[in-house]
């Protein structure tokens, strides 16, 4: 199986790239997020790949990061989702946003992706929620906190609320409801208390 390509970028467009390695050009289907990270044609590039083989053929799917490739493979495990839909999902949302939507059970956000209806979105949440590691869930939550001077405290407070059993989306809303003035003077423990009491 081909797991990565390291060579020269021959051509690229938002859905595909051609990478030349050892005199051979490989066509790779890519999500929009990976397209943005590729160099200009003629530049050196390294693309992580998923070699998909089926009864009538085979294709290479390429990714700029391991997180994108892992999410693509997780999506392929969901019944009714093929490579094109998985690639469409990664073009519609970043792998971190997809992780956040799965962990938070955000069916509405998932079903906003082209090619994914409400039933498929529900199946994604149901089948993948337990496959997301704690580390991936925490990274997704951390990325969803608005930047600011107290962002690290808000992130830690949101993570604490998730560990107490709150959904990620609920935890973020609870922490976001605390005013900037209150958050600036509070410890993480104080933020969690305020979030729980609504004060």
N, C-alpha and C. Protein backbone atom coordinates (compact mmCIF):
# COMPACT_ATOMS: atom_id res chain seq x y z
N UNK A 1 0.84 -1.20 0.00
CA UNK A 1 0.00 0.00 0.00
C UNK A 1 0.88 1.25 0.00
N UNK A 2 0.41 2.28 -0.68
CA UNK A 2 1.16 3.55 -0.73
C UNK A 2 0.69 4.41 0.44
N UNK A 3 1.61 4.78 1.33
CA UNK A 3 1.22 5.53 2.53
C UNK A 3 1.63 6.99 2.50
N UNK A 4 2.61 7.34 1.65
CA UNK A 4 2.96 8.76 1.49
C UNK A 4 3.71 8.96 0.18
N UNK A 5 3.64 10.18 -0.31
CA UNK A 5 4.38 10.58 -1.52
C UNK A 5 5.27 11.75 -1.15
N UNK A 6 6.53 11.66 -1.52
CA UNK A 6 7.49 12.73 -1.25
C UNK A 6 8.17 13.05 -2.58
N UNK A 7 7.83 14.18 -3.17
CA UNK A 7 8.38 14.50 -4.47
C UNK A 7 8.09 15.92 -4.90
N UNK A 8 7.90 16.11 -6.19
CA UNK A 8 7.66 17.44 -6.76
C UNK A 8 6.21 17.56 -7.18
N UNK A 9 5.59 18.68 -6.82
CA UNK A 9 4.21 18.91 -7.21
C UNK A 9 4.17 19.32 -8.68
N UNK A 10 3.55 18.48 -9.50
CA UNK A 10 3.45 18.75 -10.93
C UNK A 10 2.28 19.68 -11.24
N UNK A 11 1.14 19.41 -10.59
CA UNK A 11 -0.08 20.22 -10.84
C UNK A 11 -1.00 20.09 -9.64
N UNK A 12 -1.88 21.09 -9.48
CA UNK A 12 -2.88 21.01 -8.41
C UNK A 12 -4.11 21.82 -8.77
N UNK A 13 -5.25 21.35 -8.27
CA UNK A 13 -6.49 22.14 -8.29
C UNK A 13 -7.21 21.79 -7.00
N UNK A 14 -8.33 22.42 -6.68
CA UNK A 14 -8.94 22.21 -5.37
C UNK A 14 -9.34 20.77 -5.02
N UNK A 15 -9.42 19.88 -6.01
CA UNK A 15 -9.84 18.51 -5.70
C UNK A 15 -8.79 17.45 -6.00
N UNK A 16 -7.70 17.82 -6.66
CA UNK A 16 -6.70 16.82 -7.00
C UNK A 16 -5.31 17.45 -7.12
N UNK A 17 -4.30 16.59 -7.01
CA UNK A 17 -2.92 17.02 -7.19
C UNK A 17 -2.17 15.91 -7.92
N UNK A 18 -1.11 16.28 -8.62
CA UNK A 18 -0.24 15.29 -9.25
C UNK A 18 1.14 15.48 -8.65
N UNK A 19 1.65 14.42 -8.01
CA UNK A 19 2.96 14.46 -7.37
C UNK A 19 3.89 13.51 -8.12
N UNK A 20 5.04 14.02 -8.54
CA UNK A 20 6.02 13.20 -9.26
C UNK A 20 7.06 12.68 -8.27
N UNK A 21 7.17 11.35 -8.21
CA UNK A 21 8.15 10.70 -7.34
C UNK A 21 8.94 9.70 -8.18
N UNK A 22 10.23 9.88 -8.27
CA UNK A 22 11.06 8.96 -9.03
C UNK A 22 10.65 8.83 -10.48
N UNK A 23 10.21 9.91 -11.09
CA UNK A 23 9.84 9.90 -12.49
C UNK A 23 8.43 9.43 -12.77
N UNK A 24 7.69 9.06 -11.74
CA UNK A 24 6.30 8.61 -11.90
C UNK A 24 5.35 9.65 -11.30
N UNK A 25 4.32 10.04 -12.07
CA UNK A 25 3.35 11.01 -11.57
C UNK A 25 2.15 10.30 -10.95
N UNK A 26 1.84 10.62 -9.70
CA UNK A 26 0.72 10.02 -8.99
C UNK A 26 -0.41 11.04 -8.86
N UNK A 27 -1.60 10.67 -9.31
CA UNK A 27 -2.77 11.52 -9.13
C UNK A 27 -3.36 11.24 -7.75
N UNK A 28 -3.59 12.30 -7.00
CA UNK A 28 -4.10 12.17 -5.64
C UNK A 28 -5.32 13.06 -5.48
N UNK A 29 -6.42 12.49 -4.99
CA UNK A 29 -7.62 13.27 -4.70
C UNK A 29 -7.44 13.89 -3.32
N UNK A 30 -7.71 15.20 -3.22
CA UNK A 30 -7.42 15.91 -1.96
C UNK A 30 -8.63 16.74 -1.51
N UNK A 31 -8.73 16.98 -0.18
CA UNK A 31 -9.75 17.92 0.31
C UNK A 31 -9.24 19.35 0.14
N UNK A 32 -10.15 20.30 0.21
CA UNK A 32 -9.81 21.71 0.05
C UNK A 32 -8.76 22.16 1.07
N UNK A 33 -8.85 21.63 2.30
CA UNK A 33 -7.91 22.03 3.36
C UNK A 33 -6.47 21.66 2.99
N UNK A 34 -6.29 20.52 2.31
CA UNK A 34 -4.94 20.12 1.90
C UNK A 34 -4.45 20.94 0.71
N UNK A 35 -5.37 21.30 -0.18
CA UNK A 35 -5.02 22.13 -1.35
C UNK A 35 -4.35 23.43 -0.89
N UNK A 36 -4.91 24.05 0.14
CA UNK A 36 -4.37 25.32 0.65
C UNK A 36 -2.95 25.19 1.18
N UNK A 37 -2.55 24.00 1.59
CA UNK A 37 -1.23 23.82 2.19
C UNK A 37 -0.17 23.36 1.19
N UNK A 38 -0.58 23.05 -0.03
CA UNK A 38 0.38 22.60 -1.04
C UNK A 38 1.17 23.78 -1.59
N UNK A 39 2.43 23.54 -1.98
CA UNK A 39 3.22 24.63 -2.58
C UNK A 39 2.75 24.89 -4.01
N UNK A 40 3.35 25.86 -4.66
CA UNK A 40 3.06 26.12 -6.07
C UNK A 40 3.64 24.98 -6.90
N UNK A 41 3.04 24.69 -8.07
CA UNK A 41 3.60 23.64 -8.92
C UNK A 41 5.09 23.84 -9.16
N UNK A 42 5.83 22.74 -9.10
CA UNK A 42 7.29 22.80 -9.21
C UNK A 42 7.97 22.72 -7.86
N UNK A 43 7.19 22.94 -6.79
CA UNK A 43 7.74 22.89 -5.44
C UNK A 43 7.79 21.48 -4.89
N UNK A 44 8.63 21.31 -3.89
CA UNK A 44 8.75 20.00 -3.24
C UNK A 44 7.59 19.84 -2.25
N UNK A 45 7.03 18.63 -2.20
CA UNK A 45 5.93 18.42 -1.25
C UNK A 45 5.91 16.99 -0.73
N UNK A 46 5.27 16.86 0.42
CA UNK A 46 5.10 15.54 1.06
C UNK A 46 3.61 15.39 1.35
N UNK A 47 3.01 14.36 0.79
CA UNK A 47 1.57 14.15 0.94
C UNK A 47 1.32 12.79 1.57
N UNK A 48 0.59 12.77 2.70
CA UNK A 48 0.19 11.50 3.31
C UNK A 48 -0.95 10.94 2.49
N UNK A 49 -0.97 9.64 2.28
CA UNK A 49 -1.99 9.08 1.40
C UNK A 49 -2.78 7.94 2.05
N UNK A 50 -3.96 7.74 1.49
CA UNK A 50 -4.77 6.56 1.79
C UNK A 50 -5.01 5.89 0.44
N UNK A 51 -4.53 4.65 0.31
CA UNK A 51 -4.65 3.91 -0.93
C UNK A 51 -5.94 3.09 -0.87
N UNK A 52 -6.93 3.54 -1.61
CA UNK A 52 -8.25 2.90 -1.56
C UNK A 52 -8.42 1.95 -2.75
N UNK A 53 -8.69 0.69 -2.44
CA UNK A 53 -8.84 -0.32 -3.48
C UNK A 53 -10.25 -0.91 -3.38
N UNK A 54 -10.91 -1.02 -4.53
CA UNK A 54 -12.23 -1.67 -4.55
C UNK A 54 -12.29 -2.59 -5.78
N UNK A 55 -13.41 -3.26 -5.97
CA UNK A 55 -13.53 -4.30 -7.01
C UNK A 55 -13.19 -3.80 -8.40
N UNK A 56 -13.59 -2.57 -8.73
CA UNK A 56 -13.41 -2.06 -10.09
C UNK A 56 -12.21 -1.13 -10.28
N UNK A 57 -11.43 -0.90 -9.24
CA UNK A 57 -10.30 0.00 -9.42
C UNK A 57 -9.63 0.40 -8.12
N UNK A 58 -8.86 1.45 -8.19
CA UNK A 58 -8.17 1.96 -7.01
C UNK A 58 -7.91 3.45 -7.19
N UNK A 59 -7.70 4.13 -6.07
CA UNK A 59 -7.43 5.57 -6.11
C UNK A 59 -6.60 5.96 -4.90
N UNK A 60 -5.86 7.04 -5.05
CA UNK A 60 -5.09 7.59 -3.93
C UNK A 60 -5.77 8.86 -3.43
N UNK A 61 -5.89 8.97 -2.12
CA UNK A 61 -6.44 10.17 -1.48
C UNK A 61 -5.31 10.75 -0.64
N UNK A 62 -5.09 12.06 -0.79
CA UNK A 62 -3.95 12.68 -0.14
C UNK A 62 -4.33 13.73 0.90
N UNK A 63 -3.47 13.89 1.91
CA UNK A 63 -3.74 14.79 3.03
C UNK A 63 -2.47 15.48 3.50
N UNK A 64 -2.64 16.71 3.95
CA UNK A 64 -1.50 17.50 4.42
C UNK A 64 -1.10 17.12 5.85
N UNK A 65 -2.07 16.62 6.63
CA UNK A 65 -1.78 16.28 8.04
C UNK A 65 -2.30 14.89 8.38
N UNK A 66 -1.73 14.32 9.43
CA UNK A 66 -2.17 13.01 9.91
C UNK A 66 -3.59 13.09 10.46
N UNK A 67 -3.95 14.25 11.03
CA UNK A 67 -5.30 14.43 11.57
C UNK A 67 -6.36 14.31 10.47
N UNK A 68 -6.07 14.89 9.29
CA UNK A 68 -7.00 14.80 8.17
C UNK A 68 -7.15 13.35 7.70
N UNK A 69 -6.00 12.66 7.58
CA UNK A 69 -6.06 11.28 7.11
C UNK A 69 -6.80 10.39 8.11
N UNK A 70 -6.55 10.60 9.39
CA UNK A 70 -7.24 9.79 10.40
C UNK A 70 -8.75 10.02 10.34
N UNK A 71 -9.18 11.29 10.20
CA UNK A 71 -10.60 11.58 10.12
C UNK A 71 -11.21 10.95 8.86
N UNK A 72 -10.49 11.01 7.74
CA UNK A 72 -10.96 10.40 6.50
C UNK A 72 -11.20 8.90 6.72
N UNK A 73 -10.26 8.23 7.37
CA UNK A 73 -10.38 6.79 7.61
C UNK A 73 -11.50 6.47 8.58
N UNK A 74 -11.68 7.32 9.58
CA UNK A 74 -12.80 7.12 10.51
C UNK A 74 -14.13 7.23 9.78
N UNK A 75 -14.24 8.24 8.92
CA UNK A 75 -15.48 8.43 8.16
C UNK A 75 -15.77 7.25 7.24
N UNK A 76 -14.72 6.66 6.66
CA UNK A 76 -14.91 5.49 5.80
C UNK A 76 -15.48 4.30 6.57
N UNK A 77 -15.26 4.26 7.88
CA UNK A 77 -15.78 3.17 8.72
C UNK A 77 -17.29 3.29 8.95
N UNK A 78 -17.85 4.46 8.68
CA UNK A 78 -19.29 4.68 8.91
C UNK A 78 -20.06 4.07 7.75
N UNK A 79 -21.07 3.25 8.05
CA UNK A 79 -21.84 2.60 7.00
C UNK A 79 -22.52 3.65 6.12
N UNK A 80 -22.39 3.47 4.80
CA UNK A 80 -23.01 4.39 3.85
C UNK A 80 -22.12 5.55 3.42
N UNK A 81 -20.90 5.65 3.98
CA UNK A 81 -19.99 6.74 3.58
C UNK A 81 -18.82 6.17 2.79
N UNK A 82 -18.66 6.70 1.58
CA UNK A 82 -17.55 6.30 0.72
C UNK A 82 -16.50 7.39 0.67
N UNK A 83 -15.44 7.17 -0.11
CA UNK A 83 -14.35 8.16 -0.18
C UNK A 83 -14.79 9.55 -0.63
N UNK A 84 -15.70 9.65 -1.60
CA UNK A 84 -16.11 10.97 -2.09
C UNK A 84 -16.82 11.76 -0.99
N UNK A 85 -17.70 11.11 -0.24
CA UNK A 85 -18.41 11.80 0.84
C UNK A 85 -17.45 12.18 1.97
N UNK A 86 -16.52 11.28 2.28
CA UNK A 86 -15.53 11.56 3.33
C UNK A 86 -14.67 12.76 2.94
N UNK A 87 -14.27 12.82 1.66
CA UNK A 87 -13.47 13.94 1.16
C UNK A 87 -14.28 15.23 1.19
N UNK A 88 -15.56 15.13 0.84
CA UNK A 88 -16.46 16.29 0.87
C UNK A 88 -16.59 16.82 2.30
N UNK A 89 -16.66 15.91 3.26
CA UNK A 89 -16.75 16.32 4.68
C UNK A 89 -15.52 17.11 5.09
N UNK A 90 -14.34 16.64 4.68
CA UNK A 90 -13.09 17.33 5.03
C UNK A 90 -12.91 18.62 4.26
N UNK A 91 -13.62 18.77 3.14
CA UNK A 91 -13.58 20.03 2.40
C UNK A 91 -14.55 21.02 3.02
N UNK A 92 -15.61 20.51 3.67
CA UNK A 92 -16.62 21.37 4.28
C UNK A 92 -16.22 21.86 5.66
N UNK A 93 -15.54 21.00 6.43
CA UNK A 93 -15.10 21.34 7.79
C UNK A 93 -13.68 20.83 7.99
N UNK A 94 -12.90 21.51 8.81
CA UNK A 94 -11.56 21.02 9.12
C UNK A 94 -11.69 19.75 9.96
N UNK A 95 -10.62 18.97 10.04
CA UNK A 95 -10.68 17.73 10.83
C UNK A 95 -10.97 18.05 12.30
N UNK A 96 -10.47 19.20 12.79
CA UNK A 96 -10.73 19.58 14.17
C UNK A 96 -12.20 19.96 14.37
N UNK A 97 -12.78 20.67 13.39
CA UNK A 97 -14.20 21.02 13.49
C UNK A 97 -15.09 19.79 13.38
N UNK A 98 -14.69 18.83 12.54
CA UNK A 98 -15.44 17.58 12.43
C UNK A 98 -15.39 16.82 13.76
N UNK A 99 -14.19 16.80 14.37
CA UNK A 99 -14.04 16.13 15.67
C UNK A 99 -14.93 16.80 16.71
N UNK A 100 -14.92 18.13 16.74
CA UNK A 100 -15.76 18.87 17.70
C UNK A 100 -17.24 18.58 17.48
N UNK A 101 -17.66 18.52 16.22
CA UNK A 101 -19.07 18.25 15.90
C UNK A 101 -19.47 16.84 16.33
N UNK A 102 -18.57 15.87 16.13
CA UNK A 102 -18.86 14.48 16.51
C UNK A 102 -18.93 14.36 18.03
N UNK A 103 -17.93 14.89 18.71
CA UNK A 103 -17.90 14.82 20.18
C UNK A 103 -19.10 15.54 20.79
N UNK A 104 -19.46 16.68 20.20
CA UNK A 104 -20.58 17.47 20.72
C UNK A 104 -21.94 17.01 20.24
N UNK A 105 -21.97 15.98 19.37
CA UNK A 105 -23.26 15.49 18.85
C UNK A 105 -23.98 16.54 18.01
N UNK A 106 -23.21 17.38 17.31
CA UNK A 106 -23.78 18.48 16.53
C UNK A 106 -24.24 17.99 15.15
N UNK A 107 -25.39 17.34 15.13
CA UNK A 107 -25.94 16.77 13.89
C UNK A 107 -26.23 17.86 12.87
N UNK A 108 -26.70 19.00 13.35
CA UNK A 108 -27.03 20.11 12.44
C UNK A 108 -25.81 20.57 11.66
N UNK A 109 -24.69 20.70 12.34
CA UNK A 109 -23.47 21.16 11.67
C UNK A 109 -22.97 20.11 10.67
N UNK A 110 -23.02 18.84 11.06
CA UNK A 110 -22.58 17.78 10.16
C UNK A 110 -23.47 17.67 8.93
N UNK A 111 -24.78 17.84 9.13
CA UNK A 111 -25.71 17.71 7.99
C UNK A 111 -25.67 18.93 7.07
N UNK A 112 -24.93 19.98 7.46
CA UNK A 112 -24.78 21.15 6.58
C UNK A 112 -23.74 20.89 5.49
N UNK A 113 -22.99 19.79 5.62
CA UNK A 113 -21.97 19.43 4.63
C UNK A 113 -22.65 18.82 3.41
N UNK A 114 -22.22 19.23 2.24
CA UNK A 114 -22.78 18.71 0.99
C UNK A 114 -22.64 17.19 0.93
N UNK A 115 -23.75 16.51 0.66
CA UNK A 115 -23.74 15.05 0.54
C UNK A 115 -24.03 14.32 1.84
N UNK A 116 -24.17 15.06 2.95
CA UNK A 116 -24.47 14.42 4.24
C UNK A 116 -25.81 14.93 4.75
N UNK A 117 -26.80 14.04 4.80
CA UNK A 117 -28.11 14.39 5.31
C UNK A 117 -28.19 14.16 6.80
N UNK A 118 -29.35 14.41 7.37
CA UNK A 118 -29.53 14.29 8.82
C UNK A 118 -29.28 12.87 9.32
N UNK A 119 -29.80 11.87 8.60
CA UNK A 119 -29.64 10.48 9.04
C UNK A 119 -28.17 10.06 9.00
N UNK A 120 -27.46 10.47 7.96
CA UNK A 120 -26.03 10.14 7.86
C UNK A 120 -25.27 10.85 8.97
N UNK A 121 -25.62 12.10 9.24
CA UNK A 121 -24.96 12.85 10.31
C UNK A 121 -25.18 12.17 11.66
N UNK A 122 -26.39 11.70 11.89
CA UNK A 122 -26.68 10.99 13.15
C UNK A 122 -25.86 9.70 13.25
N UNK A 123 -25.71 9.02 12.10
CA UNK A 123 -24.93 7.78 12.08
C UNK A 123 -23.45 8.07 12.36
N UNK A 124 -22.94 9.19 11.81
CA UNK A 124 -21.54 9.59 12.06
C UNK A 124 -21.31 9.78 13.56
N UNK A 125 -22.21 10.52 14.20
CA UNK A 125 -22.08 10.77 15.64
C UNK A 125 -22.15 9.45 16.41
N UNK A 126 -23.14 8.63 16.09
CA UNK A 126 -23.35 7.37 16.80
C UNK A 126 -22.16 6.42 16.66
N UNK A 127 -21.63 6.30 15.43
CA UNK A 127 -20.59 5.31 15.17
C UNK A 127 -19.18 5.79 15.49
N UNK A 128 -18.97 7.12 15.51
CA UNK A 128 -17.60 7.62 15.70
C UNK A 128 -17.32 8.25 17.06
N UNK A 129 -18.36 8.60 17.79
CA UNK A 129 -18.13 9.31 19.07
C UNK A 129 -17.17 8.55 19.98
N UNK A 130 -17.31 7.23 20.06
CA UNK A 130 -16.44 6.43 20.94
C UNK A 130 -15.06 6.19 20.36
N UNK A 131 -14.87 6.51 19.06
CA UNK A 131 -13.57 6.29 18.43
C UNK A 131 -12.67 7.52 18.51
N UNK A 132 -13.24 8.65 18.94
CA UNK A 132 -12.44 9.87 19.12
C UNK A 132 -11.72 9.77 20.46
N UNK A 133 -10.40 9.92 20.45
CA UNK A 133 -9.64 9.81 21.69
C UNK A 133 -9.86 11.05 22.56
N UNK A 134 -9.57 10.91 23.85
CA UNK A 134 -9.69 12.05 24.76
C UNK A 134 -8.81 13.21 24.30
N UNK A 135 -7.61 12.89 23.82
CA UNK A 135 -6.69 13.92 23.35
C UNK A 135 -7.25 14.69 22.16
N UNK A 136 -7.85 13.96 21.22
CA UNK A 136 -8.45 14.59 20.04
C UNK A 136 -9.63 15.47 20.45
N UNK A 137 -10.43 14.97 21.39
CA UNK A 137 -11.58 15.75 21.86
C UNK A 137 -11.13 17.03 22.53
N UNK A 138 -10.09 16.94 23.36
CA UNK A 138 -9.59 18.12 24.06
C UNK A 138 -9.01 19.14 23.08
N UNK A 139 -8.29 18.65 22.08
CA UNK A 139 -7.72 19.56 21.08
C UNK A 139 -8.82 20.28 20.31
N UNK A 140 -9.90 19.56 20.00
CA UNK A 140 -11.03 20.16 19.28
C UNK A 140 -11.69 21.24 20.13
N UNK A 141 -11.85 20.95 21.42
CA UNK A 141 -12.46 21.92 22.34
C UNK A 141 -11.57 23.16 22.47
N UNK A 142 -10.26 22.91 22.61
CA UNK A 142 -9.31 24.02 22.75
C UNK A 142 -9.35 24.92 21.53
N UNK A 143 -9.49 24.35 20.36
CA UNK A 143 -9.52 25.13 19.13
C UNK A 143 -10.78 25.94 18.96
N UNK A 144 -11.85 25.55 19.67
CA UNK A 144 -13.13 26.24 19.52
C UNK A 144 -13.26 27.44 20.47
N UNK A 145 -12.35 27.57 21.44
CA UNK A 145 -12.39 28.70 22.37
C UNK A 145 -11.86 29.94 21.66
N UNK A 146 -12.60 31.04 21.77
CA UNK A 146 -12.19 32.30 21.14
C UNK A 146 -10.85 32.76 21.72
N UNK A 147 -9.91 33.22 20.86
CA UNK A 147 -8.64 33.70 21.38
C UNK A 147 -8.82 34.94 22.24
N UNK A 148 -7.95 35.11 23.19
CA UNK A 148 -8.03 36.26 24.08
C UNK A 148 -7.09 36.07 25.25
N UNK A 149 -6.97 37.08 26.13
CA UNK A 149 -6.02 36.98 27.24
C UNK A 149 -6.35 35.86 28.22
N UNK A 150 -7.64 35.49 28.33
CA UNK A 150 -8.02 34.44 29.28
C UNK A 150 -8.42 33.14 28.56
N UNK A 151 -8.02 33.01 27.29
CA UNK A 151 -8.43 31.84 26.48
C UNK A 151 -7.97 30.53 27.10
N UNK A 152 -6.74 30.50 27.64
CA UNK A 152 -6.24 29.24 28.22
C UNK A 152 -7.05 28.83 29.44
N UNK A 153 -7.48 29.82 30.26
CA UNK A 153 -8.30 29.50 31.43
C UNK A 153 -9.68 29.02 31.00
N UNK A 154 -10.26 29.66 29.99
CA UNK A 154 -11.57 29.25 29.49
C UNK A 154 -11.51 27.83 28.91
N UNK A 155 -10.42 27.55 28.17
CA UNK A 155 -10.25 26.22 27.59
C UNK A 155 -10.18 25.17 28.69
N UNK A 156 -9.36 25.42 29.72
CA UNK A 156 -9.22 24.46 30.82
C UNK A 156 -10.53 24.28 31.57
N UNK A 157 -11.29 25.37 31.73
CA UNK A 157 -12.59 25.27 32.40
C UNK A 157 -13.57 24.44 31.57
N UNK A 158 -13.56 24.64 30.24
CA UNK A 158 -14.43 23.86 29.35
C UNK A 158 -14.07 22.39 29.41
N UNK A 159 -12.78 22.09 29.42
CA UNK A 159 -12.34 20.69 29.52
C UNK A 159 -12.78 20.07 30.83
N UNK A 160 -12.71 20.85 31.91
CA UNK A 160 -13.16 20.35 33.22
C UNK A 160 -14.65 20.03 33.19
N UNK A 161 -15.44 20.89 32.54
CA UNK A 161 -16.89 20.65 32.44
C UNK A 161 -17.20 19.40 31.62
N UNK A 162 -16.42 19.20 30.55
CA UNK A 162 -16.60 17.99 29.73
C UNK A 162 -16.29 16.75 30.57
N UNK A 163 -15.25 16.83 31.39
CA UNK A 163 -14.88 15.68 32.23
C UNK A 163 -15.96 15.42 33.29
N UNK A 164 -16.77 16.44 33.60
CA UNK A 164 -17.88 16.27 34.54
C UNK A 164 -19.13 15.70 33.87
N UNK A 165 -19.05 15.52 32.54
CA UNK A 165 -20.17 14.90 31.84
C UNK A 165 -20.97 15.81 30.92
N UNK A 166 -20.59 17.09 30.84
CA UNK A 166 -21.30 18.01 29.94
C UNK A 166 -20.84 17.78 28.51
N UNK A 167 -21.74 18.01 27.55
CA UNK A 167 -21.36 17.93 26.14
C UNK A 167 -20.43 19.10 25.84
N UNK A 168 -19.57 18.89 24.84
CA UNK A 168 -18.59 19.92 24.49
C UNK A 168 -19.26 21.25 24.16
N UNK A 169 -20.34 21.21 23.36
CA UNK A 169 -21.01 22.45 22.96
C UNK A 169 -21.61 23.16 24.18
N UNK A 170 -22.16 22.38 25.12
CA UNK A 170 -22.72 22.97 26.35
C UNK A 170 -21.62 23.63 27.18
N UNK A 171 -20.51 22.91 27.33
CA UNK A 171 -19.38 23.42 28.13
C UNK A 171 -18.86 24.74 27.57
N UNK A 172 -18.74 24.81 26.24
CA UNK A 172 -18.26 26.05 25.61
C UNK A 172 -19.22 27.21 25.84
N UNK A 173 -20.52 26.94 25.73
CA UNK A 173 -21.51 28.00 25.95
C UNK A 173 -21.48 28.48 27.40
N UNK A 174 -21.36 27.53 28.32
CA UNK A 174 -21.34 27.90 29.75
C UNK A 174 -20.14 28.78 30.08
N UNK A 175 -18.97 28.44 29.50
CA UNK A 175 -17.76 29.21 29.77
C UNK A 175 -17.82 30.55 29.04
N UNK A 176 -18.36 30.56 27.82
CA UNK A 176 -18.45 31.80 27.04
C UNK A 176 -19.38 32.82 27.69
N UNK A 177 -20.34 32.34 28.49
CA UNK A 177 -21.31 33.23 29.14
C UNK A 177 -20.69 34.06 30.27
N UNK A 178 -19.49 33.66 30.71
CA UNK A 178 -18.82 34.41 31.79
C UNK A 178 -18.16 35.65 31.19
N UNK A 179 -18.42 36.80 31.79
CA UNK A 179 -17.91 38.07 31.25
C UNK A 179 -16.38 38.12 31.29
N UNK A 180 -15.81 38.93 30.42
CA UNK A 180 -14.35 39.07 30.34
C UNK A 180 -13.78 39.60 31.65
N UNK A 181 -14.52 40.51 32.30
CA UNK A 181 -14.05 41.08 33.58
C UNK A 181 -13.97 40.00 34.65
N UNK A 182 -15.03 39.18 34.73
CA UNK A 182 -15.04 38.10 35.73
C UNK A 182 -13.98 37.06 35.43
N UNK A 183 -13.80 36.74 34.15
CA UNK A 183 -12.83 35.70 33.76
C UNK A 183 -11.40 36.15 34.04
N UNK A 184 -11.13 37.45 33.86
CA UNK A 184 -9.77 37.96 34.05
C UNK A 184 -9.29 37.78 35.48
N UNK A 185 -10.20 37.94 36.44
CA UNK A 185 -9.81 37.87 37.85
C UNK A 185 -10.00 36.46 38.44
N UNK A 186 -10.56 35.53 37.68
CA UNK A 186 -10.90 34.21 38.21
C UNK A 186 -9.84 33.17 37.89
N UNK A 187 -9.76 32.16 38.77
CA UNK A 187 -8.92 30.99 38.48
C UNK A 187 -9.76 30.03 37.64
N UNK A 188 -9.15 28.96 37.15
CA UNK A 188 -9.90 27.95 36.38
C UNK A 188 -11.00 27.36 37.25
N UNK A 189 -10.66 27.09 38.51
CA UNK A 189 -11.65 26.53 39.45
C UNK A 189 -12.84 27.49 39.62
N UNK A 190 -12.55 28.79 39.72
CA UNK A 190 -13.61 29.80 39.85
C UNK A 190 -14.49 29.82 38.60
N UNK A 191 -13.85 29.70 37.42
CA UNK A 191 -14.60 29.70 36.17
C UNK A 191 -15.55 28.51 36.11
N UNK A 192 -15.07 27.36 36.55
CA UNK A 192 -15.92 26.16 36.55
C UNK A 192 -17.10 26.37 37.49
N UNK A 193 -16.83 26.92 38.68
CA UNK A 193 -17.91 27.19 39.64
C UNK A 193 -18.93 28.16 39.08
N UNK A 194 -18.44 29.23 38.47
CA UNK A 194 -19.35 30.24 37.88
C UNK A 194 -20.19 29.62 36.76
N UNK A 195 -19.54 28.78 35.93
CA UNK A 195 -20.25 28.13 34.84
C UNK A 195 -21.36 27.22 35.38
N UNK A 196 -21.07 26.53 36.46
CA UNK A 196 -22.03 25.58 37.04
C UNK A 196 -23.19 26.29 37.74
N UNK A 197 -22.89 27.44 38.34
CA UNK A 197 -23.94 28.15 39.07
C UNK A 197 -24.63 29.21 38.23
N UNK A 198 -24.02 29.59 37.12
CA UNK A 198 -24.58 30.63 36.27
C UNK A 198 -24.32 32.03 36.80
N UNK A 199 -23.36 32.17 37.72
CA UNK A 199 -23.02 33.49 38.29
C UNK A 199 -21.60 33.86 37.93
